Amino acid sequence: MAFQLVDQWSGSKIIATISEEVLPCTPGKTKCIGPDLYGCNELGQWVLVERNAAKCVAKPFQWLWVGIAAAALGGLILLAPKEKKA
């Protein structure tokens, strides 16, 4: 069985569907579902706390290290000695 999370402000828009294994939750706990932060209320239900929460959105600088590593690896490949044809 799956549960649907509904935005508490609009009350009608389904914003996520989660499986039964995720529920119930421990009151006070929080978790990210995509970029949104959800909190567990006193009834053991996940409710939307903040849309596009800074805690849930990937930081741009994290990808900087991936780019640097890829550029370094590419440079090593280009600078590697090539075999000469006779």
C-alpha atoms as a PDB file:
ATOM      1  CA  MET A   1       0.000   0.000   0.000  1.00  0.00           C
ATOM      2  CA  ALA A   2       1.255   3.509  -0.812  1.00  0.00           C
ATOM      3  CA  PHE A   3       0.493   6.826   0.851  1.00  0.00           C
ATOM      4  CA  GLN A   4       0.283  10.177  -0.868  1.00  0.00           C
ATOM      5  CA  LEU A   5       1.699  13.337   0.664  1.00  0.00           C
ATOM      6  CA  VAL A   6      -0.512  16.353   0.157  1.00  0.00           C
ATOM      7  CA  ASP A   7       0.614  19.954   0.506  1.00  0.00           C
ATOM      8  CA  GLN A   8      -0.954  21.245   3.722  1.00  0.00           C
ATOM      9  CA  TRP A   9      -1.542  24.697   2.216  1.00  0.00           C
ATOM     10  CA  SER A  10      -3.315  23.750  -0.991  1.00  0.00           C
ATOM     11  CA  GLY A  11      -4.775  20.509   0.332  1.00  0.00           C
ATOM     12  CA  SER A  12      -5.300  19.083  -3.118  1.00  0.00           C
ATOM     13  CA  LYS A  13      -2.034  18.815  -5.005  1.00  0.00           C
ATOM     14  CA  ILE A  14      -0.288  15.453  -4.568  1.00  0.00           C
ATOM     15  CA  ILE A  15       3.389  16.247  -4.145  1.00  0.00           C
ATOM     16  CA  ALA A  16       4.803  12.779  -3.500  1.00  0.00           C
ATOM     17  CA  THR A  17       3.807   9.160  -3.126  1.00  0.00           C
ATOM     18  CA  ILE A  18       5.635   7.096  -0.557  1.00  0.00           C
ATOM     19  CA  SER A  19       5.457   3.437   0.321  1.00  0.00           C
ATOM     20  CA  GLU A  20       4.134   1.983   3.562  1.00  0.00           C
ATOM     21  CA  GLU A  21       7.676   1.102   4.696  1.00  0.00           C
ATOM     22  CA  VAL A  22       8.403   4.806   5.195  1.00  0.00           C
ATOM     23  CA  LEU A  23       5.464   5.275   7.598  1.00  0.00           C
ATOM     24  CA  PRO A  24       4.908   5.632  10.484  1.00  0.00           C
ATOM     25  CA  CYS A  25       7.616   8.028  11.538  1.00  0.00           C
ATOM     26  CA  THR A  26       9.050   9.114  14.854  1.00  0.00           C
ATOM     27  CA  PRO A  27       7.698  12.523  15.925  1.00  0.00           C
ATOM     28  CA  GLY A  28      10.312  15.261  15.636  1.00  0.00           C
ATOM     29  CA  LYS A  29      12.363  13.560  12.911  1.00  0.00           C
ATOM     30  CA  THR A  30      12.936  15.261   9.566  1.00  0.00           C
ATOM     31  CA  LYS A  31      13.868  13.980   6.125  1.00  0.00           C
ATOM     32  CA  CYS A  32      14.336  15.287   2.620  1.00  0.00           C
ATOM     33  CA  ILE A  33      12.141  14.084  -0.223  1.00  0.00           C
ATOM     34  CA  GLY A  34      13.665  15.664  -3.279  1.00  0.00           C
ATOM     35  CA  PRO A  35      14.374  19.328  -2.526  1.00  0.00           C
ATOM     36  CA  ASP A  36      11.634  19.559   0.137  1.00  0.00           C
ATOM     37  CA  LEU A  37      12.031  19.078   3.891  1.00  0.00           C
ATOM     38  CA  TYR A  38       9.413  16.996   5.706  1.00  0.00           C
ATOM     39  CA  GLY A  39       8.914  16.640   9.438  1.00  0.00           C
ATOM     40  CA  CYS A  40       7.143  13.982  11.434  1.00  0.00           C
ATOM     41  CA  ASN A  41       4.218  15.369  13.431  1.00  0.00           C
ATOM     42  CA  GLU A  42       2.880  14.077  16.748  1.00  0.00           C
ATOM     43  CA  LEU A  43       0.529  11.698  14.891  1.00  0.00           C
ATOM     44  CA  GLY A  44       3.453   9.955  13.160  1.00  0.00           C
ATOM     45  CA  GLN A  45       2.724  11.493   9.766  1.00  0.00           C
ATOM     46  CA  TRP A  46       5.159  13.200   7.407  1.00  0.00           C
ATOM     47  CA  VAL A  47       4.192  16.822   6.691  1.00  0.00           C
ATOM     48  CA  LEU A  48       5.837  19.402   4.474  1.00  0.00           C
ATOM     49  CA  VAL A  49       7.956  21.785   6.540  1.00  0.00           C
ATOM     50  CA  GLU A  50       9.820  23.763   3.870  1.00  0.00           C
ATOM     51  CA  ARG A  51       9.893  23.781   0.081  1.00  0.00           C
ATOM     52  CA  ASN A  52      13.350  23.875  -1.549  1.00  0.00           C
ATOM     53  CA  ALA A  53      15.025  23.674   1.842  1.00  0.00           C
ATOM     54  CA  ALA A  54      18.708  24.600   1.867  1.00  0.00           C
ATOM     55  CA  LYS A  55      19.353  21.389   3.817  1.00  0.00           C
ATOM     56  CA  CYS A  56      17.873  19.295   0.973  1.00  0.00           C
ATOM     57  CA  VAL A  57      19.254  21.053  -2.099  1.00  0.00           C
ATOM     58  CA  ALA A  58      22.671  19.946  -3.369  1.00  0.00           C
ATOM     59  CA  LYS A  59      25.304  22.613  -2.909  1.00  0.00           C
ATOM     60  CA  PRO A  60      26.831  23.860  -6.194  1.00  0.00           C
ATOM     61  CA  PHE A  61      30.408  23.689  -4.880  1.00  0.00           C
ATOM     62  CA  GLN A  62      30.077  19.932  -4.344  1.00  0.00           C
ATOM     63  CA  TRP A  63      30.065  19.489  -8.128  1.00  0.00           C
ATOM     64  CA  LEU A  64      33.129  21.715  -8.439  1.00  0.00           C
ATOM     65  CA  TRP A  65      35.352  18.897  -7.137  1.00  0.00           C
ATOM     66  CA  VAL A  66      33.899  16.490  -9.690  1.00  0.00           C
ATOM     67  CA  GLY A  67      34.734  18.961 -12.466  1.00  0.00           C
ATOM     68  CA  ILE A  68      38.273  19.496 -11.179  1.00  0.00           C
ATOM     69  CA  ALA A  69      38.889  15.741 -10.965  1.00  0.00           C
ATOM     70  CA  ALA A  70      37.519  15.183 -14.492  1.00  0.00           C
ATOM     71  CA  ALA A  71      39.692  17.977 -15.901  1.00  0.00           C
ATOM     72  CA  ALA A  72      42.792  16.599 -14.174  1.00  0.00           C
ATOM     73  CA  LEU A  73      42.135  13.097 -15.475  1.00  0.00           C
ATOM     74  CA  GLY A  74      41.539  14.431 -18.982  1.00  0.00           C
ATOM     75  CA  GLY A  75      44.796  16.380 -18.818  1.00  0.00           C
ATOM     76  CA  LEU A  76      46.739  13.292 -17.758  1.00  0.00           C
ATOM     77  CA  ILE A  77      45.297  11.320 -20.657  1.00  0.00           C
ATOM     78  CA  LEU A  78      46.200  14.042 -23.158  1.00  0.00           C
ATOM     79  CA  LEU A  79      49.744  14.413 -21.802  1.00  0.00           C
ATOM     80  CA  ALA A  80      50.463  10.681 -21.663  1.00  0.00           C
ATOM     81  CA  PRO A  81      53.243   9.630 -24.053  1.00  0.00           C
ATOM     82  CA  LYS A  82      51.972   8.268 -27.335  1.00  0.00           C
ATOM     83  CA  GLU A  83      53.515   5.368 -29.215  1.00  0.00           C
ATOM     84  CA  LYS A  84      55.300   6.478 -32.375  1.00  0.00           C
ATOM     85  CA  LYS A  85      54.569   4.673 -35.623  1.00  0.00           C
ATOM     86  CA  ALA A  86      57.552   3.438 -37.582  1.00  0.00           C
END
